[in-house]
Protein backbone atom coordinates (compact mmCIF):
# COMPACT_ATOMS: atom_id res chain seq x y z
CA MET A 1 0.00 0.00 0.00
CA LYS A 2 1.12 3.55 -0.75
CA PHE A 3 0.43 6.65 1.36
CA LEU A 4 -0.15 10.29 0.46
CA ALA A 5 -0.39 13.40 2.59
CA ILE A 6 -2.86 15.89 1.09
CA THR A 7 -3.87 19.50 1.75
CA LEU A 8 -6.66 21.63 0.29
CA ILE A 9 -4.94 24.70 1.83
CA ALA A 10 -7.98 25.82 3.77
CA HIS A 11 -7.30 29.25 5.28
CA THR A 12 -9.53 29.24 8.34
CA PRO A 13 -9.20 30.21 12.00
CA HIS A 14 -7.70 27.61 14.31
CA PRO A 15 -10.64 25.44 15.44
CA VAL A 16 -9.61 25.64 19.09
CA THR A 17 -7.94 29.05 19.57
CA GLY A 18 -9.67 31.02 16.83
CA ALA A 19 -6.35 32.53 15.66
CA ARG A 20 -5.76 32.85 11.93
CA LYS A 21 -2.36 32.71 10.27
CA SER A 22 -1.44 35.16 7.54
CA THR A 23 -1.63 33.97 3.94
CA GLY A 24 2.15 33.78 3.75
CA GLU A 25 2.36 31.80 6.98
CA ARG A 26 -0.27 29.37 5.70
CA PHE A 27 1.69 28.73 2.50
CA ARG A 28 4.87 28.29 4.54
CA GLU A 29 3.03 25.69 6.61
CA VAL A 30 2.15 23.78 3.44
CA LEU A 31 5.78 23.73 2.35
CA ASP A 32 6.90 22.59 5.80
CA ASN A 33 4.33 19.78 5.75
CA ALA A 34 5.55 18.65 2.33
CA LEU A 35 9.12 18.50 3.62
CA LEU A 36 7.91 16.59 6.69
CA ALA A 37 6.04 14.10 4.49
CA GLU A 38 9.17 13.38 2.46
CA GLU A 39 11.31 13.17 5.61
CA LEU A 40 8.94 10.64 7.20
CA GLY A 41 8.73 8.46 4.10
CA PHE A 42 5.32 9.23 2.61
CA ASP A 43 4.99 8.18 -1.03
CA GLY A 44 3.20 11.29 -2.27
CA PHE A 45 2.11 14.82 -1.38
CA GLY A 46 -1.05 16.33 -2.83
CA VAL A 47 -2.34 19.89 -3.20
CA GLY A 48 -6.00 20.58 -3.91
CA GLU A 49 -7.51 23.15 -6.26
CA ARG A 50 -10.32 25.41 -5.12
CA HIS A 51 -11.38 28.84 -6.34
CA GLU A 52 -13.49 30.04 -3.43
CA ARG A 53 -13.28 30.83 0.25
CA PRO A 54 -11.96 29.59 2.62
CA PHE A 55 -9.35 27.99 0.36
CA ILE A 56 -6.18 29.56 -1.07
CA SER A 57 -5.33 26.60 -3.32
CA SER A 58 -6.25 28.29 -6.61
CA SER A 59 -2.83 27.61 -8.17
CA PRO A 60 -1.58 24.09 -7.44
CA PRO A 61 1.03 24.12 -10.27
CA VAL A 62 2.79 27.02 -8.57
CA VAL A 63 2.67 25.45 -5.11
CA LEU A 64 3.77 22.05 -6.39
CA SER A 65 6.63 23.61 -8.38
CA HIS A 66 7.96 25.16 -5.17
CA ILE A 67 7.59 21.82 -3.39
CA ALA A 68 9.37 20.09 -6.29
CA ALA A 69 12.35 22.41 -5.80
CA LEU A 70 12.52 21.61 -2.09
CA THR A 71 12.14 17.82 -2.36
CA SER A 72 13.80 15.05 -4.34
CA ARG A 73 11.84 11.80 -3.94
CA ILE A 74 8.19 12.22 -3.04
CA ARG A 75 5.62 12.08 -5.86
CA LEU A 76 3.50 15.18 -6.39
CA PHE A 77 -0.28 14.96 -6.75
CA THR A 78 -3.09 17.36 -7.49
CA ALA A 79 -6.16 16.78 -5.38
CA VAL A 80 -8.01 17.58 -7.54
CA THR A 81 -7.32 19.42 -10.79
CA THR A 82 -10.69 20.95 -11.67
CA LEU A 83 -10.70 20.36 -15.41
CA SER A 84 -14.34 21.44 -15.71
CA LEU A 85 -13.14 25.01 -14.97
CA LEU A 86 -9.86 25.02 -16.91
CA ASP A 87 -8.76 25.34 -20.50
CA PRO A 88 -7.17 21.92 -21.17
CA VAL A 89 -4.45 23.45 -23.37
CA ARG A 90 -3.37 25.87 -20.66
CA ALA A 91 -3.61 23.16 -18.00
CA TYR A 92 -1.40 20.88 -20.10
CA GLU A 93 1.23 23.63 -20.49
CA ASP A 94 1.40 24.20 -16.73
CA TYR A 95 1.55 20.55 -15.80
CA ALA A 96 3.95 19.44 -18.52
CA THR A 97 6.31 22.19 -17.35
CA LEU A 98 5.92 21.09 -13.72
CA ASP A 99 6.52 17.47 -14.69
CA HIS A 100 9.87 18.40 -16.24
CA LEU A 101 10.87 20.58 -13.29
CA SER A 102 10.04 17.78 -10.85
CA GLY A 103 11.91 15.10 -12.79
CA GLY A 104 8.78 13.14 -13.69
CA ARG A 105 7.27 13.06 -10.20
CA LEU A 106 3.86 14.49 -11.11
CA GLU A 107 0.53 12.66 -10.99
CA LEU A 108 -2.86 14.27 -11.48
CA ILE A 109 -6.15 13.55 -9.78
CA ILE A 110 -8.81 15.27 -11.87
CA GLY A 111 -12.43 16.10 -11.16
CA LYS A 112 -15.20 18.55 -11.88
CA GLY A 113 -14.71 20.35 -8.56
CA ASN A 114 -17.28 21.45 -5.98
CA GLY A 115 -18.77 24.75 -4.97
CA THR A 116 -21.26 27.21 -6.45
CA ALA A 117 -18.97 30.24 -6.07
CA GLN A 118 -16.19 28.81 -8.22
CA ARG A 119 -18.66 27.66 -10.89
CA GLU A 120 -20.02 31.20 -11.07
CA LEU A 121 -16.50 32.64 -11.19
CA PHE A 122 -15.74 30.60 -14.32
CA HIS A 123 -19.26 30.79 -15.81
CA VAL A 124 -19.77 27.05 -15.52
CA THR A 125 -23.23 25.69 -14.75
CA SER A 126 -24.24 22.66 -12.75
CA GLU A 127 -25.86 21.34 -15.95
CA ASP A 128 -22.73 21.47 -18.13
CA GLN A 129 -19.90 20.88 -15.66
CA TRP A 130 -19.73 17.12 -16.27
CA GLU A 131 -19.61 17.61 -20.05
CA ARG A 132 -16.92 20.24 -19.61
CA ASN A 133 -14.92 17.90 -17.41
CA ALA A 134 -15.12 15.04 -19.93
CA GLU A 135 -14.29 17.24 -22.92
CA SER A 136 -11.36 18.91 -21.19
CA TYR A 137 -9.97 15.55 -20.13
CA GLU A 138 -10.26 14.07 -23.62
CA VAL A 139 -8.43 17.07 -25.12
CA PHE A 140 -5.86 17.03 -22.30
CA ARG A 141 -4.99 13.36 -22.76
CA GLN A 142 -4.79 13.80 -26.53
CA ILE A 143 -2.33 16.69 -26.18
CA TRP A 144 -0.21 14.63 -23.80
CA ARG A 145 0.08 11.80 -26.33
CA GLN A 146 0.27 13.48 -29.74
CA ASP A 147 2.64 16.04 -31.22
CA LYS A 148 -0.17 17.61 -33.25
CA VAL A 149 -3.76 17.71 -32.08
CA SER A 150 -7.05 18.27 -33.87
CA ALA A 151 -10.24 18.38 -31.81
CA ALA A 152 -13.75 19.68 -32.34
CA THR A 153 -14.84 21.14 -29.00
CA ARG A 154 -17.92 22.82 -27.50
CA PHE A 155 -16.43 24.72 -24.59
CA ARG A 156 -13.27 26.20 -26.08
CA PRO A 157 -12.08 27.02 -29.62
CA GLY A 158 -11.44 23.91 -31.69
CA LEU A 159 -7.92 22.69 -32.44
CA LYS A 160 -6.48 21.81 -35.85
CA ASP A 161 -2.96 20.40 -36.09
CA ALA A 162 -2.13 22.34 -32.94
CA GLU A 163 1.30 21.98 -31.33
CA VAL A 164 1.54 22.56 -27.60
CA TRP A 165 4.85 22.96 -25.79
CA PRO A 166 6.77 21.76 -23.90
CA ARG A 167 6.39 18.18 -24.96
CA PRO A 168 5.98 15.90 -21.93
CA LEU A 169 8.57 14.17 -19.83
CA GLN A 170 6.26 11.36 -18.67
CA GLN A 171 4.58 9.89 -21.73
CA PRO A 172 1.84 9.96 -20.67
CA ILE A 173 1.37 11.30 -17.19
CA ARG A 174 -0.74 9.08 -14.94
CA VAL A 175 -4.18 10.57 -14.34
CA TRP A 176 -6.46 9.49 -11.50
CA HIS A 177 -10.14 10.43 -11.43
CA GLY A 178 -11.49 11.88 -8.22
CA SER A 179 -14.84 10.39 -7.21
CA ALA A 180 -17.16 11.76 -4.53
CA THR A 181 -20.86 11.44 -5.30
CA SER A 182 -21.50 10.86 -8.99
CA LYS A 183 -21.15 8.03 -11.46
CA GLU A 184 -19.95 10.36 -14.24
CA SER A 185 -16.36 10.53 -12.98
CA VAL A 186 -16.39 6.80 -12.27
CA ASP A 187 -17.51 5.98 -15.81
CA LEU A 188 -14.94 8.33 -17.36
CA ALA A 189 -12.15 6.65 -15.39
CA ALA A 190 -13.34 3.18 -16.36
CA ARG A 191 -13.73 4.13 -20.01
CA TYR A 192 -10.08 5.11 -20.36
CA GLY A 193 -8.65 2.48 -18.00
CA ASP A 194 -7.53 5.12 -15.49
CA PRO A 195 -7.20 4.69 -11.71
CA LEU A 196 -9.92 5.99 -9.38
CA PHE A 197 -9.51 8.00 -6.18
CA SER A 198 -12.50 7.95 -3.85
CA ALA A 199 -12.98 11.07 -1.71
CA ASN A 200 -14.30 8.93 1.19
CA VAL A 201 -14.46 11.91 3.53
CA THR A 202 -17.93 13.33 4.12
CA HIS A 203 -20.22 10.31 4.48
CA THR A 204 -20.26 6.76 5.81
CA ILE A 205 -18.70 3.99 3.77
CA GLU A 206 -21.76 2.87 1.79
CA PRO A 207 -22.03 5.48 -1.00
CA TYR A 208 -18.29 5.33 -1.70
CA ALA A 209 -18.29 1.54 -1.77
CA GLU A 210 -21.19 1.61 -4.25
CA LEU A 211 -19.32 3.97 -6.61
CA ILE A 212 -16.21 1.79 -6.47
CA ARG A 213 -18.33 -1.28 -7.21
CA HIS A 214 -19.80 0.54 -10.20
CA TYR A 215 -16.28 1.49 -11.35
CA ARG A 216 -15.24 -2.16 -11.34
CA GLU A 217 -18.31 -3.12 -13.35
CA ARG A 218 -17.71 -0.39 -15.95
CA TRP A 219 -13.99 -1.25 -16.11
CA GLU A 220 -14.85 -4.77 -17.24
CA HIS A 221 -17.58 -3.44 -19.54
CA TYR A 222 -14.94 -1.44 -21.42
CA GLY A 223 -12.75 -4.51 -21.79
CA HIS A 224 -9.96 -3.81 -19.32
CA ASP A 225 -8.17 -6.46 -17.28
CA PRO A 226 -9.66 -6.51 -13.72
CA ALA A 227 -6.20 -7.27 -12.33
CA ARG A 228 -5.03 -3.82 -13.46
CA ILE A 229 -7.55 -1.81 -11.44
CA ALA A 230 -6.11 0.75 -9.02
CA VAL A 231 -8.21 2.52 -6.38
CA GLY A 232 -7.19 5.15 -3.85
CA ALA A 233 -9.23 6.41 -0.92
CA GLY A 234 -9.21 9.38 1.41
CA THR A 235 -9.76 9.69 5.14
CA ALA A 236 -11.87 12.15 7.12
CA GLY A 237 -9.10 12.71 9.65
CA TYR A 238 -6.10 11.08 11.26
CA TYR A 239 -4.63 11.06 14.73
CA ALA A 240 -2.86 8.13 16.34
CA ALA A 241 -1.36 7.97 19.81
CA PRO A 242 0.14 5.11 21.82
CA THR A 243 -3.27 4.43 23.41
CA SER A 244 -6.82 4.92 22.19
CA GLN A 245 -7.69 6.87 25.34
CA ARG A 246 -4.97 9.41 24.70
CA ALA A 247 -5.89 9.69 21.01
CA ILE A 248 -9.53 10.44 21.83
CA ALA A 249 -8.62 12.92 24.57
CA ASP A 250 -6.18 14.81 22.33
CA TYR A 251 -8.55 14.91 19.36
CA ARG A 252 -11.69 15.94 21.24
CA PRO A 253 -10.95 19.71 21.26
CA VAL A 254 -10.33 19.56 17.51
CA PHE A 255 -13.64 17.83 16.87
CA GLU A 256 -15.54 20.18 19.15
CA GLY A 257 -14.06 23.11 17.26
CA TYR A 258 -15.26 21.53 14.02
CA LEU A 259 -18.78 21.13 15.45
CA ALA A 260 -18.82 24.76 16.54
CA PHE A 261 -17.82 25.84 13.04
CA GLN A 262 -20.60 23.73 11.53
CA LYS A 263 -23.08 25.36 13.89
CA ARG A 264 -21.92 28.86 12.95
CA ILE A 265 -22.53 28.24 9.25
CA GLY A 266 -25.86 26.57 9.87
CA ALA A 267 -24.83 23.08 8.75
CA ASP A 268 -25.91 19.83 10.36
CA PRO A 269 -22.90 17.59 10.98
CA VAL A 270 -23.07 14.09 9.55
CA PHE A 271 -21.38 12.76 12.69
CA PRO A 272 -22.72 14.63 15.75
CA THR A 273 -20.29 13.22 18.35
CA LEU A 274 -16.63 12.34 18.38
CA GLU A 275 -17.48 8.74 19.22
CA ASP A 276 -19.79 8.54 16.20
CA PHE A 277 -17.12 10.19 14.02
CA VAL A 278 -14.53 7.62 15.10
CA GLU A 279 -16.92 4.70 14.63
CA ARG A 280 -18.79 5.49 11.39
CA SER A 281 -16.61 7.90 9.41
CA SER A 282 -13.39 7.10 7.57
CA ALA A 283 -11.38 8.98 10.22
CA LEU A 284 -8.41 7.04 11.60
CA ILE A 285 -8.30 8.01 15.27
CA GLY A 286 -6.98 5.69 17.95
CA SER A 287 -4.06 3.44 18.73
CA PRO A 288 -1.86 2.10 15.90
CA GLN A 289 -3.63 -1.26 16.04
CA GLN A 290 -7.05 0.38 15.82
CA VAL A 291 -5.94 2.37 12.78
CA ILE A 292 -4.58 -0.75 11.09
CA GLU A 293 -7.81 -2.65 11.71
CA LYS A 294 -9.96 0.19 10.35
CA VAL A 295 -7.90 0.50 7.17
CA HIS A 296 -8.37 -3.23 6.66
CA ARG A 297 -12.14 -2.91 7.12
CA TYR A 298 -12.28 -0.26 4.41
CA HIS A 299 -9.95 -2.26 2.19
CA GLU A 300 -12.37 -5.19 2.36
CA ARG A 301 -15.05 -2.94 0.80
CA PHE A 302 -12.90 -0.83 -1.54
CA GLY A 303 -9.93 -2.98 -2.49
CA HIS A 304 -7.88 0.23 -2.42
CA THR A 305 -4.09 0.22 -2.54
CA VAL A 306 -3.42 3.95 -1.97
CA LEU A 307 -4.52 5.91 1.10
CA HIS A 308 -4.36 9.61 1.85
CA LEU A 309 -4.03 11.35 5.21
CA HIS A 310 -4.48 15.03 5.92
CA ALA A 311 -1.17 16.86 5.67
CA ASP A 312 -2.38 19.71 7.92
CA ALA A 313 -2.43 19.71 11.71
CA GLY A 314 -6.07 20.84 11.55
CA GLY A 315 -6.20 22.00 15.16
CA LEU A 316 -3.66 19.62 16.66
CA THR A 317 -0.51 21.13 18.06
CA ASP A 318 2.57 20.98 15.85
CA THR A 319 4.08 18.40 18.20
CA GLN A 320 0.93 16.23 18.19
CA HIS A 321 0.75 16.44 14.41
CA ARG A 322 4.37 15.51 13.84
CA ASP A 323 4.33 12.74 16.44
CA ALA A 324 1.15 11.24 14.97
CA LEU A 325 2.56 11.21 11.43
CA GLY A 326 5.79 9.76 12.77
CA LEU A 327 3.84 7.04 14.58
CA PHE A 328 2.00 6.28 11.35
CA GLN A 329 5.26 5.68 9.51
CA SER A 330 6.95 3.74 12.32
CA ASP A 331 4.10 1.53 13.59
CA ILE A 332 1.24 1.61 11.09
CA ALA A 333 2.56 1.99 7.54
CA PRO A 334 4.99 -0.98 7.70
CA VAL A 335 2.14 -3.33 8.63
CA LEU A 336 -0.19 -2.01 5.95
CA ARG A 337 2.57 -2.06 3.34
CA ARG A 338 3.16 -5.71 4.16
CA GLU A 339 -0.48 -6.80 4.34
CA ILE A 340 -2.10 -4.74 1.54
CA PRO A 341 -0.64 -4.83 -1.99
CA ASP A 342 0.69 -1.86 -3.92
CA PRO A 343 -1.06 -0.50 -7.03
CA PRO A 344 -0.51 -2.67 -10.13
CA PHE A 345 2.03 -0.30 -11.68
CA THR A 346 5.47 1.08 -10.96
CA TRP A 347 5.41 3.91 -8.43
CA GLY A 348 7.50 6.27 -10.48
CA PRO A 349 7.63 8.00 -13.87
CA VAL A 350 5.18 6.52 -16.36
CA PRO A 351 7.13 4.57 -19.02
CA ASP A 352 7.46 6.01 -22.52
CA GLU A 353 4.74 4.32 -24.55
CA GLY A 354 6.88 4.23 -27.69
CA PRO A 355 5.72 4.36 -31.30
CA TYR A 356 3.28 1.42 -31.19
CA GLY A 357 -0.18 1.93 -29.77
CA SER A 358 -0.91 3.88 -26.61
CA ALA A 359 -0.03 3.11 -23.03
CA ASP A 360 -2.80 2.45 -20.58
CA ALA A 361 -2.71 5.47 -18.28
CA ALA A 362 -3.17 3.34 -15.20
CA THR A 363 -0.74 0.56 -15.97
CA GLY A 364 1.84 1.69 -18.50
CA THR A 365 1.07 -1.45 -20.53
CA GLN A 366 0.85 -1.32 -24.31
CA SER A 367 -2.53 -1.40 -25.99
CA THR A 368 -3.64 -1.10 -29.59
CA ARG A 369 -7.33 -1.36 -28.69
CA PRO A 370 -9.35 1.63 -29.87
CA ALA A 371 -10.98 3.74 -27.21
CA ALA A 372 -14.38 2.46 -26.20
CA THR A 373 -17.47 4.59 -26.59
CA PRO A 374 -19.35 5.11 -23.34
CA ASP A 375 -22.96 4.12 -22.92
CA HIS A 376 -25.49 6.81 -22.08
């Protein structure tokens, strides 16, 4: 199993003290957390993309480029790239450049994105966002694979024998599809044989398990080898301590701060108590053995081989945060790495697909099969 640390770069008051860091301090915290993740042995670090308050993650290529310059080993993820809002040509230029600067360490998780404010900012409607996402991805993947691109498009000017530079380092880059609530992203991932990353944050396990089940069905429908499926999954929170009693005691002020925030904005929490949150959400809070057992319970439903934890302290003290991540790598990750398999591809730069056929984005294996046409 592989492990990522991910941040959406929320810029909010501290849930316990109410203090708010400056924008510069918040970005510095992200960089420090990326360095910590590499130091501790995490396999990847992810930066989200949001274009509305309270997030300041509107430019993940810039943030990840800075992280690339500070690190040497850890793979760099977007979480997620909101292709429904972006011009795929411009997105390709940014990410191909970043892939070169990072030495081929970039992986994308794409998705339509969430939030009414950012849709309005980019003049995208709830009715067309899925079509925009699919079209942008199809153009994006074509640019990554072909020196000259022609494409008839609805949501941007069409392309005819267009050349886009720089040409890629990874050929092609691996693209994961972020999945939260809808079958559209699941079907798009299955159609192209791409890996899936389940959000697995807001709700109980059932809706996420159903989407992953649907992904596996559609994967086989499109003729892909079931053995090549790769699924990642998120977590609603993480804090481990030597004993469950200490973990609960340390995390309680953080959770109570979260409940107070939900009350202020008029939202009803899905999990009204810390005990319910620990029991029914995907949060990993407890002793190392409890965390290991919970990951296994989710793995039985998802079959996932990649797991993300929150990179941010999120209300914990810096010492608690660092100690908990250190405990994960010393006592938890080795067991999960041994007992749960890795994804079915090399964890590194995607191999050059060469002149014959196109490489499967999830596996790097050669294929001359034409792209399937999705059912509607």
